[in-house]
Amino acid sequence: DVKQDLMPSNCYRTWRRKRNPNMIVTHWDATTSAEKCKRVLQARKISTHFCIDNDGVIHQYVDTNNVAWHARGVNNYSIGIDFSNAYYAKYNKWYEKNGFGERPVLNKSKVHGVRLKPHLGYYRVQIEAYKKLVKVLCEQYNIPVQTPLLENGLADIGVVPEAAKGKYEGIVCHYHLTRNKIDCAGLDLKQIVGQLS
């Protein structure tokens, strides 16, 4: 399900001609729901195109032909997708109390060569929604269904200079753009891309 829930125009830039993004940038929102994500983004006057809620419902905040402000330096070339994910394992109590069930806790995530403390993962229904959304966007904008890999074929979990400059064509995480970000740690983009190709 896709629910249109557009943000006010002071949170993104209207693009007058046809936009041709070459990259999908994946984030997490560090909040407990798509509704809270939207409130935080609006308060900060920034945006993302989509947020995948805990139940797998996709909330669209910005038309993909407009420029969402989600990843400094590459906004013009990209589409932003957020997972609703509060990150810290202590929030699992909130998810259980609110009827979503326990989230997976990931304890082997590494980003930028650093092992992260255990953190919340992604509901299966969110991953399935993400795959459907990515597939549609890649088809619509002719974005290659690929993600950065190392020479040995393993997933690259560090900064990819080509992506940081907005020149990569494919699907990336925010951590591929800057050492200041760790989202979306533990998201197996290589496996997801393999299932889509």
N, C-alpha and C. Protein backbone atom coordinates (compact mmCIF):
# COMPACT_ATOMS: atom_id res chain seq x y z
N ASP A 1 0.84 -1.20 0.00
CA ASP A 1 0.00 0.00 0.00
C ASP A 1 0.88 1.25 0.00
N VAL A 2 0.49 2.22 -0.81
CA VAL A 2 1.18 3.52 -0.82
C VAL A 2 0.17 4.57 -0.38
N LYS A 3 0.56 5.35 0.61
CA LYS A 3 -0.32 6.39 1.14
C LYS A 3 0.33 7.74 0.85
N GLN A 4 -0.36 8.58 0.08
CA GLN A 4 0.19 9.92 -0.19
C GLN A 4 -0.04 10.81 1.01
N ASP A 5 1.02 11.41 1.49
CA ASP A 5 0.98 12.23 2.70
C ASP A 5 2.00 13.36 2.49
N LEU A 6 1.72 14.20 1.48
CA LEU A 6 2.73 15.14 0.99
C LEU A 6 3.11 16.20 2.02
N MET A 7 4.39 16.54 2.02
CA MET A 7 4.94 17.52 2.95
C MET A 7 4.71 18.93 2.41
N PRO A 8 4.76 19.93 3.28
CA PRO A 8 4.65 21.32 2.79
C PRO A 8 5.82 21.68 1.89
N SER A 9 5.58 22.62 0.98
CA SER A 9 6.56 22.93 -0.06
C SER A 9 7.84 23.58 0.47
N ASN A 10 7.87 24.00 1.73
CA ASN A 10 9.12 24.57 2.26
C ASN A 10 10.10 23.48 2.70
N CYS A 11 9.73 22.21 2.50
CA CYS A 11 10.59 21.08 2.92
C CYS A 11 11.29 20.42 1.73
N TYR A 12 11.04 20.88 0.52
CA TYR A 12 11.67 20.29 -0.66
C TYR A 12 11.72 21.34 -1.76
N ARG A 13 12.37 20.99 -2.88
CA ARG A 13 12.45 21.94 -4.00
C ARG A 13 11.66 21.40 -5.19
N THR A 14 10.78 22.23 -5.71
CA THR A 14 10.02 21.85 -6.90
C THR A 14 10.94 21.88 -8.11
N TRP A 15 10.88 20.82 -8.90
CA TRP A 15 11.72 20.69 -10.09
C TRP A 15 10.82 20.92 -11.29
N ARG A 16 11.11 21.93 -12.07
CA ARG A 16 10.20 22.36 -13.15
C ARG A 16 10.22 21.44 -14.36
N ARG A 17 11.39 20.83 -14.64
CA ARG A 17 11.43 19.94 -15.81
C ARG A 17 11.46 18.49 -15.33
N LYS A 18 11.55 17.57 -16.29
CA LYS A 18 11.54 16.15 -15.93
C LYS A 18 12.85 15.78 -15.25
N ARG A 19 12.74 15.15 -14.09
CA ARG A 19 13.94 14.78 -13.34
C ARG A 19 14.37 13.36 -13.71
N ASN A 20 15.69 13.15 -13.74
CA ASN A 20 16.22 11.83 -14.09
C ASN A 20 17.18 11.35 -12.99
N PRO A 21 16.67 10.97 -11.84
CA PRO A 21 17.56 10.51 -10.77
C PRO A 21 18.28 9.23 -11.18
N ASN A 22 19.53 9.07 -10.72
CA ASN A 22 20.32 7.89 -11.06
C ASN A 22 20.62 7.02 -9.84
N MET A 23 20.09 7.43 -8.67
CA MET A 23 20.44 6.75 -7.44
C MET A 23 19.26 6.74 -6.49
N ILE A 24 19.13 5.63 -5.75
CA ILE A 24 18.18 5.56 -4.64
C ILE A 24 19.01 5.52 -3.37
N VAL A 25 18.76 6.45 -2.45
CA VAL A 25 19.50 6.52 -1.19
C VAL A 25 18.58 6.04 -0.07
N THR A 26 19.06 5.04 0.68
CA THR A 26 18.25 4.41 1.72
C THR A 26 18.69 4.89 3.10
N HIS A 27 17.71 5.28 3.92
CA HIS A 27 17.95 5.82 5.26
C HIS A 27 17.10 5.05 6.27
N TRP A 28 17.34 5.33 7.55
CA TRP A 28 16.34 5.05 8.57
C TRP A 28 16.00 6.36 9.24
N ASP A 29 14.81 6.44 9.82
CA ASP A 29 14.34 7.73 10.33
C ASP A 29 14.67 7.97 11.80
N ALA A 30 15.13 6.93 12.52
CA ALA A 30 15.45 7.04 13.96
C ALA A 30 14.24 7.51 14.78
N THR A 31 13.03 7.21 14.28
CA THR A 31 11.81 7.45 15.05
C THR A 31 11.00 6.15 15.08
N THR A 32 9.89 6.15 15.79
CA THR A 32 9.12 4.91 15.95
C THR A 32 8.01 4.72 14.91
N SER A 33 7.74 5.73 14.07
CA SER A 33 6.66 5.58 13.09
C SER A 33 6.83 6.58 11.96
N ALA A 34 6.16 6.29 10.83
CA ALA A 34 6.20 7.20 9.69
C ALA A 34 5.59 8.56 10.06
N GLU A 35 4.57 8.53 10.91
CA GLU A 35 3.93 9.79 11.34
C GLU A 35 4.93 10.67 12.10
N LYS A 36 5.70 10.04 13.02
CA LYS A 36 6.70 10.81 13.76
C LYS A 36 7.83 11.26 12.84
N CYS A 37 8.19 10.41 11.90
CA CYS A 37 9.23 10.76 10.92
C CYS A 37 8.84 12.05 10.20
N LYS A 38 7.60 12.10 9.73
CA LYS A 38 7.15 13.28 8.99
C LYS A 38 7.19 14.53 9.87
N ARG A 39 6.78 14.38 11.13
CA ARG A 39 6.81 15.54 12.04
C ARG A 39 8.23 16.06 12.25
N VAL A 40 9.18 15.15 12.43
CA VAL A 40 10.58 15.54 12.64
C VAL A 40 11.13 16.22 11.39
N LEU A 41 10.88 15.64 10.23
CA LEU A 41 11.37 16.22 8.98
C LEU A 41 10.80 17.62 8.77
N GLN A 42 9.49 17.76 9.00
CA GLN A 42 8.86 19.08 8.83
C GLN A 42 9.45 20.11 9.77
N ALA A 43 9.69 19.72 11.01
CA ALA A 43 10.26 20.65 11.99
C ALA A 43 11.65 21.10 11.56
N ARG A 44 12.38 20.21 10.88
CA ARG A 44 13.75 20.54 10.45
C ARG A 44 13.77 21.10 9.03
N LYS A 45 12.60 21.19 8.39
CA LYS A 45 12.47 21.67 7.01
C LYS A 45 13.35 20.88 6.04
N ILE A 46 13.32 19.55 6.21
CA ILE A 46 13.98 18.65 5.28
C ILE A 46 12.95 17.59 4.88
N SER A 47 13.37 16.61 4.06
CA SER A 47 12.36 15.66 3.56
C SER A 47 13.02 14.41 3.02
N THR A 48 12.18 13.43 2.74
CA THR A 48 12.55 12.22 2.01
C THR A 48 11.35 11.93 1.11
N HIS A 49 11.57 11.18 0.05
CA HIS A 49 10.44 10.91 -0.85
C HIS A 49 9.45 9.92 -0.24
N PHE A 50 9.99 8.88 0.41
CA PHE A 50 9.14 7.81 0.95
C PHE A 50 9.60 7.41 2.34
N CYS A 51 8.65 6.94 3.15
CA CYS A 51 8.99 6.32 4.43
C CYS A 51 8.17 5.04 4.55
N ILE A 52 8.86 3.94 4.84
CA ILE A 52 8.19 2.64 4.97
C ILE A 52 7.89 2.41 6.45
N ASP A 53 6.62 2.41 6.78
CA ASP A 53 6.19 2.31 8.17
C ASP A 53 6.36 0.88 8.69
N ASN A 54 6.15 0.70 9.98
CA ASN A 54 6.34 -0.60 10.65
C ASN A 54 5.46 -1.71 10.07
N ASP A 55 4.29 -1.32 9.54
CA ASP A 55 3.36 -2.31 8.98
C ASP A 55 3.56 -2.52 7.49
N GLY A 56 4.62 -1.91 6.92
CA GLY A 56 4.90 -2.07 5.50
C GLY A 56 4.20 -1.07 4.60
N VAL A 57 3.35 -0.22 5.17
CA VAL A 57 2.69 0.82 4.36
C VAL A 57 3.73 1.86 3.97
N ILE A 58 3.75 2.21 2.68
CA ILE A 58 4.70 3.19 2.15
C ILE A 58 4.04 4.56 2.15
N HIS A 59 4.63 5.49 2.88
CA HIS A 59 4.12 6.86 2.91
C HIS A 59 4.94 7.70 1.93
N GLN A 60 4.26 8.34 0.99
CA GLN A 60 4.97 9.21 0.05
C GLN A 60 4.85 10.65 0.52
N TYR A 61 6.00 11.26 0.81
CA TYR A 61 6.04 12.64 1.32
C TYR A 61 6.32 13.67 0.23
N VAL A 62 7.04 13.28 -0.82
CA VAL A 62 7.44 14.22 -1.88
C VAL A 62 7.30 13.50 -3.21
N ASP A 63 6.75 14.19 -4.20
CA ASP A 63 6.68 13.65 -5.56
C ASP A 63 8.10 13.36 -6.04
N THR A 64 8.31 12.23 -6.70
CA THR A 64 9.67 11.87 -7.11
C THR A 64 10.24 12.80 -8.17
N ASN A 65 9.41 13.61 -8.81
CA ASN A 65 9.95 14.58 -9.76
C ASN A 65 10.48 15.82 -9.05
N ASN A 66 10.20 15.95 -7.75
CA ASN A 66 10.73 17.07 -6.97
C ASN A 66 11.96 16.61 -6.18
N VAL A 67 12.76 17.56 -5.73
CA VAL A 67 14.00 17.26 -5.03
C VAL A 67 13.75 17.27 -3.52
N ALA A 68 13.82 16.10 -2.91
CA ALA A 68 13.72 16.02 -1.44
C ALA A 68 15.09 16.31 -0.85
N TRP A 69 15.11 16.90 0.34
CA TRP A 69 16.36 17.24 1.01
C TRP A 69 16.68 16.15 2.03
N HIS A 70 17.34 15.09 1.56
CA HIS A 70 17.59 13.92 2.41
C HIS A 70 19.07 13.54 2.47
N ALA A 71 19.87 13.98 1.52
CA ALA A 71 21.28 13.56 1.49
C ALA A 71 22.10 14.67 0.84
N ARG A 72 22.70 15.49 1.68
CA ARG A 72 23.46 16.65 1.21
C ARG A 72 24.43 16.28 0.07
N GLY A 73 24.37 17.06 -0.98
CA GLY A 73 25.29 16.88 -2.10
C GLY A 73 24.75 16.02 -3.23
N VAL A 74 23.77 15.16 -2.95
CA VAL A 74 23.27 14.27 -4.01
C VAL A 74 21.75 14.35 -4.18
N ASN A 75 21.13 15.33 -3.54
CA ASN A 75 19.66 15.41 -3.62
C ASN A 75 19.15 15.49 -5.05
N ASN A 76 19.83 16.29 -5.89
CA ASN A 76 19.36 16.47 -7.27
C ASN A 76 19.36 15.17 -8.06
N TYR A 77 20.23 14.24 -7.68
CA TYR A 77 20.42 13.02 -8.48
C TYR A 77 19.74 11.80 -7.88
N SER A 78 19.01 11.98 -6.79
CA SER A 78 18.58 10.79 -6.05
C SER A 78 17.13 10.84 -5.58
N ILE A 79 16.66 9.65 -5.19
CA ILE A 79 15.36 9.47 -4.53
C ILE A 79 15.65 8.93 -3.14
N GLY A 80 15.04 9.51 -2.12
CA GLY A 80 15.27 9.09 -0.74
C GLY A 80 14.16 8.17 -0.24
N ILE A 81 14.56 7.05 0.36
CA ILE A 81 13.61 6.12 1.01
C ILE A 81 14.07 5.93 2.45
N ASP A 82 13.17 6.14 3.40
CA ASP A 82 13.46 5.90 4.81
C ASP A 82 12.72 4.67 5.30
N PHE A 83 13.40 3.88 6.13
CA PHE A 83 12.73 2.87 6.92
C PHE A 83 12.36 3.50 8.24
N SER A 84 11.14 3.32 8.70
CA SER A 84 10.83 3.73 10.06
C SER A 84 11.52 2.72 10.97
N ASN A 85 12.46 3.21 11.78
CA ASN A 85 13.28 2.34 12.61
C ASN A 85 13.95 3.21 13.67
N ALA A 86 13.60 2.97 14.93
CA ALA A 86 14.10 3.81 16.03
C ALA A 86 15.54 3.49 16.42
N TYR A 87 16.14 2.48 15.80
CA TYR A 87 17.55 2.11 15.92
C TYR A 87 17.92 1.46 17.26
N TYR A 88 17.67 2.13 18.37
CA TYR A 88 18.13 1.62 19.66
C TYR A 88 17.25 0.46 20.14
N ALA A 89 17.92 -0.61 20.58
CA ALA A 89 17.21 -1.84 20.99
C ALA A 89 16.21 -1.59 22.11
N LYS A 90 16.44 -0.57 22.93
CA LYS A 90 15.51 -0.29 24.05
C LYS A 90 14.09 0.02 23.56
N TYR A 91 13.96 0.44 22.28
CA TYR A 91 12.63 0.78 21.76
C TYR A 91 11.81 -0.45 21.39
N ASN A 92 12.40 -1.64 21.49
CA ASN A 92 11.63 -2.84 21.16
C ASN A 92 10.38 -2.96 22.04
N LYS A 93 10.48 -2.47 23.28
CA LYS A 93 9.31 -2.49 24.17
C LYS A 93 8.17 -1.68 23.56
N TRP A 94 8.49 -0.54 22.95
CA TRP A 94 7.48 0.32 22.32
C TRP A 94 6.78 -0.44 21.19
N TYR A 95 7.59 -1.10 20.35
CA TYR A 95 7.00 -1.82 19.20
C TYR A 95 6.08 -2.94 19.67
N GLU A 96 6.50 -3.66 20.69
CA GLU A 96 5.67 -4.75 21.21
C GLU A 96 4.38 -4.19 21.82
N LYS A 97 4.51 -3.14 22.61
CA LYS A 97 3.36 -2.52 23.27
C LYS A 97 2.35 -1.98 22.26
N ASN A 98 2.84 -1.54 21.11
CA ASN A 98 1.96 -0.95 20.11
C ASN A 98 1.52 -1.94 19.03
N GLY A 99 1.75 -3.23 19.29
CA GLY A 99 1.15 -4.26 18.44
C GLY A 99 1.92 -4.64 17.19
N PHE A 100 3.17 -4.19 17.07
CA PHE A 100 3.95 -4.54 15.87
C PHE A 100 4.77 -5.80 16.08
N GLY A 101 4.90 -6.23 17.32
CA GLY A 101 5.75 -7.39 17.61
C GLY A 101 7.21 -6.97 17.73
N GLU A 102 7.99 -7.89 18.25
CA GLU A 102 9.41 -7.59 18.47
C GLU A 102 10.13 -7.43 17.13
N ARG A 103 10.96 -6.41 17.06
CA ARG A 103 11.80 -6.21 15.87
C ARG A 103 13.03 -7.09 16.00
N PRO A 104 13.60 -7.52 14.87
CA PRO A 104 14.88 -8.22 14.96
C PRO A 104 15.93 -7.28 15.55
N VAL A 105 16.84 -7.82 16.34
CA VAL A 105 17.97 -7.03 16.85
C VAL A 105 19.22 -7.54 16.14
N LEU A 106 19.93 -6.64 15.49
CA LEU A 106 21.13 -7.00 14.73
C LEU A 106 22.35 -6.75 15.60
N ASN A 107 23.21 -7.75 15.73
CA ASN A 107 24.37 -7.57 16.61
C ASN A 107 25.70 -7.80 15.91
N LYS A 108 25.67 -7.87 14.56
CA LYS A 108 26.93 -8.05 13.84
C LYS A 108 27.14 -6.98 12.78
N SER A 109 26.40 -5.88 12.87
CA SER A 109 26.51 -4.84 11.85
C SER A 109 27.85 -4.14 11.92
N LYS A 110 28.42 -3.93 10.74
CA LYS A 110 29.65 -3.14 10.63
C LYS A 110 29.43 -2.07 9.59
N VAL A 111 29.91 -0.86 9.86
CA VAL A 111 29.89 0.24 8.90
C VAL A 111 31.20 1.00 9.07
N HIS A 112 31.79 1.40 7.95
CA HIS A 112 33.06 2.14 7.99
C HIS A 112 34.13 1.38 8.80
N GLY A 113 34.08 0.05 8.73
CA GLY A 113 35.06 -0.78 9.42
C GLY A 113 34.87 -0.90 10.92
N VAL A 114 33.76 -0.39 11.44
CA VAL A 114 33.51 -0.40 12.89
C VAL A 114 32.31 -1.30 13.20
N ARG A 115 32.44 -2.18 14.19
CA ARG A 115 31.33 -3.01 14.64
C ARG A 115 30.42 -2.16 15.50
N LEU A 116 29.13 -2.14 15.17
CA LEU A 116 28.16 -1.33 15.92
C LEU A 116 27.62 -2.13 17.10
N LYS A 117 27.13 -1.40 18.11
CA LYS A 117 26.43 -2.05 19.21
C LYS A 117 25.14 -2.65 18.67
N PRO A 118 24.57 -3.66 19.35
CA PRO A 118 23.31 -4.24 18.86
C PRO A 118 22.25 -3.16 18.62
N HIS A 119 21.55 -3.27 17.51
CA HIS A 119 20.54 -2.26 17.15
C HIS A 119 19.37 -2.93 16.46
N LEU A 120 18.29 -2.20 16.34
CA LEU A 120 17.08 -2.74 15.73
C LEU A 120 17.26 -2.95 14.23
N GLY A 121 16.70 -4.05 13.75
CA GLY A 121 16.71 -4.35 12.33
C GLY A 121 15.39 -3.94 11.68
N TYR A 122 14.96 -4.73 10.72
CA TYR A 122 13.83 -4.35 9.87
C TYR A 122 12.79 -5.46 9.89
N TYR A 123 11.54 -5.06 9.96
CA TYR A 123 10.48 -6.05 9.87
C TYR A 123 10.47 -6.63 8.44
N ARG A 124 10.13 -7.91 8.35
CA ARG A 124 10.07 -8.56 7.03
C ARG A 124 9.12 -7.82 6.09
N VAL A 125 7.99 -7.36 6.63
CA VAL A 125 7.00 -6.66 5.80
C VAL A 125 7.58 -5.34 5.26
N GLN A 126 8.49 -4.72 6.02
CA GLN A 126 9.16 -3.50 5.53
C GLN A 126 10.10 -3.83 4.37
N ILE A 127 10.85 -4.93 4.52
CA ILE A 127 11.79 -5.34 3.47
C ILE A 127 11.03 -5.65 2.18
N GLU A 128 9.90 -6.35 2.31
CA GLU A 128 9.10 -6.69 1.12
C GLU A 128 8.57 -5.43 0.44
N ALA A 129 8.10 -4.47 1.24
CA ALA A 129 7.61 -3.20 0.68
C ALA A 129 8.76 -2.44 0.00
N TYR A 130 9.93 -2.46 0.64
CA TYR A 130 11.11 -1.79 0.08
C TYR A 130 11.46 -2.38 -1.29
N LYS A 131 11.46 -3.71 -1.38
CA LYS A 131 11.80 -4.37 -2.64
C LYS A 131 10.83 -3.96 -3.76
N LYS A 132 9.54 -3.94 -3.43
CA LYS A 132 8.53 -3.56 -4.44
C LYS A 132 8.74 -2.12 -4.88
N LEU A 133 8.98 -1.24 -3.91
CA LEU A 133 9.15 0.19 -4.21
C LEU A 133 10.40 0.41 -5.06
N VAL A 134 11.50 -0.20 -4.66
CA VAL A 134 12.76 -0.05 -5.40
C VAL A 134 12.60 -0.56 -6.83
N LYS A 135 11.94 -1.69 -6.99
CA LYS A 135 11.73 -2.28 -8.33
C LYS A 135 10.97 -1.31 -9.23
N VAL A 136 9.90 -0.72 -8.70
CA VAL A 136 9.09 0.23 -9.48
C VAL A 136 9.91 1.46 -9.85
N LEU A 137 10.65 2.00 -8.87
CA LEU A 137 11.44 3.22 -9.11
C LEU A 137 12.56 2.97 -10.12
N CYS A 138 13.21 1.81 -10.01
CA CYS A 138 14.29 1.49 -10.95
C CYS A 138 13.74 1.35 -12.37
N GLU A 139 12.57 0.74 -12.48
CA GLU A 139 11.95 0.61 -13.81
C GLU A 139 11.53 1.97 -14.36
N GLN A 140 10.91 2.78 -13.48
CA GLN A 140 10.39 4.07 -13.93
C GLN A 140 11.51 5.01 -14.37
N TYR A 141 12.62 5.01 -13.64
CA TYR A 141 13.71 5.97 -13.92
C TYR A 141 14.93 5.33 -14.57
N ASN A 142 14.80 4.06 -14.96
CA ASN A 142 15.91 3.36 -15.62
C ASN A 142 17.18 3.38 -14.76
N ILE A 143 16.99 3.17 -13.45
CA ILE A 143 18.13 3.10 -12.52
C ILE A 143 18.59 1.64 -12.48
N PRO A 144 19.88 1.39 -12.69
CA PRO A 144 20.35 -0.01 -12.65
C PRO A 144 20.10 -0.65 -11.28
N VAL A 145 19.67 -1.90 -11.29
CA VAL A 145 19.42 -2.64 -10.05
C VAL A 145 20.76 -3.21 -9.59
N GLN A 146 21.55 -2.36 -8.93
CA GLN A 146 22.86 -2.76 -8.42
C GLN A 146 23.19 -1.93 -7.19
N THR A 147 24.15 -2.43 -6.41
CA THR A 147 24.61 -1.74 -5.21
C THR A 147 26.13 -1.86 -5.15
N PRO A 148 26.82 -0.95 -4.48
CA PRO A 148 28.29 -1.01 -4.49
C PRO A 148 28.84 -2.29 -3.86
N LEU A 149 29.77 -2.92 -4.60
CA LEU A 149 30.44 -4.13 -4.12
C LEU A 149 31.95 -3.90 -4.13
N LEU A 150 32.63 -4.62 -3.27
CA LEU A 150 34.09 -4.61 -3.27
C LEU A 150 34.60 -5.53 -4.38
N GLU A 151 35.89 -5.48 -4.65
CA GLU A 151 36.46 -6.31 -5.72
C GLU A 151 36.25 -7.80 -5.46
N ASN A 152 36.17 -8.19 -4.17
CA ASN A 152 35.97 -9.60 -3.84
C ASN A 152 34.50 -10.02 -3.89
N GLY A 153 33.63 -9.08 -4.30
CA GLY A 153 32.21 -9.41 -4.45
C GLY A 153 31.38 -9.18 -3.20
N LEU A 154 32.03 -8.84 -2.07
CA LEU A 154 31.27 -8.54 -0.84
C LEU A 154 30.68 -7.14 -0.92
N ALA A 155 29.64 -6.91 -0.12
CA ALA A 155 29.00 -5.59 -0.09
C ALA A 155 29.98 -4.55 0.44
N ASP A 156 30.01 -3.39 -0.19
CA ASP A 156 30.84 -2.28 0.30
C ASP A 156 30.06 -1.60 1.43
N ILE A 157 30.65 -1.53 2.62
CA ILE A 157 29.96 -0.90 3.76
C ILE A 157 30.75 0.32 4.25
N GLY A 158 31.25 1.06 3.28
CA GLY A 158 31.96 2.30 3.58
C GLY A 158 31.58 3.35 2.55
N VAL A 159 32.28 4.47 2.59
CA VAL A 159 32.00 5.54 1.63
C VAL A 159 32.43 5.11 0.23
N VAL A 160 31.57 5.36 -0.74
CA VAL A 160 31.86 5.09 -2.15
C VAL A 160 31.99 6.46 -2.83
N PRO A 161 33.22 6.88 -3.17
CA PRO A 161 33.42 8.24 -3.70
C PRO A 161 32.50 8.59 -4.86
N GLU A 162 32.28 7.64 -5.76
CA GLU A 162 31.40 7.88 -6.91
C GLU A 162 29.98 8.22 -6.45
N ALA A 163 29.49 7.50 -5.43
CA ALA A 163 28.15 7.76 -4.89
C ALA A 163 28.12 9.11 -4.17
N ALA A 164 29.17 9.41 -3.42
CA ALA A 164 29.22 10.67 -2.67
C ALA A 164 29.18 11.88 -3.61
N LYS A 165 29.63 11.68 -4.84
CA LYS A 165 29.59 12.78 -5.83
C LYS A 165 28.30 12.77 -6.65
N GLY A 166 27.42 11.80 -6.37
CA GLY A 166 26.15 11.72 -7.10
C GLY A 166 26.28 11.05 -8.45
N LYS A 167 27.41 10.40 -8.71
CA LYS A 167 27.65 9.82 -10.03
C LYS A 167 27.37 8.31 -10.10
N TYR A 168 27.14 7.68 -8.96
CA TYR A 168 26.86 6.25 -8.97
C TYR A 168 25.45 6.02 -9.50
N GLU A 169 25.27 4.92 -10.23
CA GLU A 169 23.94 4.54 -10.72
C GLU A 169 23.52 3.26 -10.02
N GLY A 170 22.51 3.36 -9.17
CA GLY A 170 22.04 2.18 -8.46
C GLY A 170 21.46 2.52 -7.10
N ILE A 171 21.55 1.55 -6.17
CA ILE A 171 20.89 1.65 -4.87
C ILE A 171 21.96 1.68 -3.79
N VAL A 172 21.91 2.69 -2.95
CA VAL A 172 22.94 2.87 -1.91
C VAL A 172 22.28 3.13 -0.56
N CYS A 173 23.11 3.05 0.48
CA CYS A 173 22.71 3.48 1.82
C CYS A 173 23.33 4.84 2.09
N HIS A 174 22.82 5.54 3.09
CA HIS A 174 23.36 6.86 3.41
C HIS A 174 24.84 6.78 3.77
N TYR A 175 25.26 5.66 4.38
CA TYR A 175 26.67 5.54 4.76
C TYR A 175 27.61 5.43 3.55
N HIS A 176 27.08 5.15 2.37
CA HIS A 176 27.91 5.14 1.17
C HIS A 176 28.33 6.55 0.77
N LEU A 177 27.64 7.56 1.33
CA LEU A 177 27.88 8.95 0.92
C LEU A 177 28.79 9.71 1.87
N THR A 178 28.82 9.32 3.15
CA THR A 178 29.58 10.08 4.14
C THR A 178 29.92 9.21 5.35
N ARG A 179 31.08 9.45 5.94
CA ARG A 179 31.48 8.72 7.15
C ARG A 179 30.65 9.15 8.36
N ASN A 180 29.89 10.25 8.23
CA ASN A 180 29.09 10.74 9.35
C ASN A 180 27.79 9.96 9.54
N LYS A 181 27.49 9.04 8.65
CA LYS A 181 26.21 8.31 8.72
C LYS A 181 26.44 6.81 8.81
N ILE A 182 25.53 6.12 9.51
CA ILE A 182 25.62 4.66 9.62
C ILE A 182 24.34 3.98 9.12
N ASP A 183 23.40 4.75 8.58
CA ASP A 183 22.17 4.12 8.08
C ASP A 183 22.36 3.75 6.60
N CYS A 184 21.88 2.61 6.24
CA CYS A 184 21.10 1.65 6.98
C CYS A 184 21.94 0.42 7.32
N ALA A 185 22.61 0.46 8.45
CA ALA A 185 23.43 -0.67 8.89
C ALA A 185 22.59 -1.94 8.98
N GLY A 186 23.16 -3.05 8.56
CA GLY A 186 22.47 -4.33 8.67
C GLY A 186 21.47 -4.62 7.57
N LEU A 187 21.25 -3.66 6.68
CA LEU A 187 20.33 -3.89 5.55
C LEU A 187 21.15 -4.57 4.45
N ASP A 188 20.77 -5.78 4.08
CA ASP A 188 21.56 -6.55 3.11
C ASP A 188 21.17 -6.15 1.69
N LEU A 189 21.74 -5.04 1.22
CA LEU A 189 21.41 -4.55 -0.12
C LEU A 189 21.85 -5.53 -1.20
N LYS A 190 22.98 -6.19 -0.97
CA LYS A 190 23.45 -7.16 -1.99
C LYS A 190 22.42 -8.26 -2.20
N GLN A 191 21.88 -8.80 -1.10
CA GLN A 191 20.87 -9.84 -1.21
C GLN A 191 19.59 -9.32 -1.85
N ILE A 192 19.18 -8.12 -1.43
CA ILE A 192 17.95 -7.52 -1.98
C ILE A 192 18.08 -7.31 -3.47
N VAL A 193 19.20 -6.75 -3.90
CA VAL A 193 19.44 -6.51 -5.33
C VAL A 193 19.45 -7.84 -6.09
N GLY A 194 20.05 -8.87 -5.47
CA GLY A 194 20.06 -10.19 -6.11
C GLY A 194 18.66 -10.75 -6.31
N GLN A 195 17.76 -10.46 -5.37
CA GLN A 195 16.39 -10.95 -5.49
C GLN A 195 15.57 -10.16 -6.51
N LEU A 196 16.02 -8.93 -6.81
CA LEU A 196 15.29 -8.08 -7.75
C LEU A 196 15.77 -8.27 -9.18
N SER A 197 17.03 -8.71 -9.34
CA SER A 197 17.57 -8.78 -10.71
C SER A 197 17.14 -10.05 -11.40
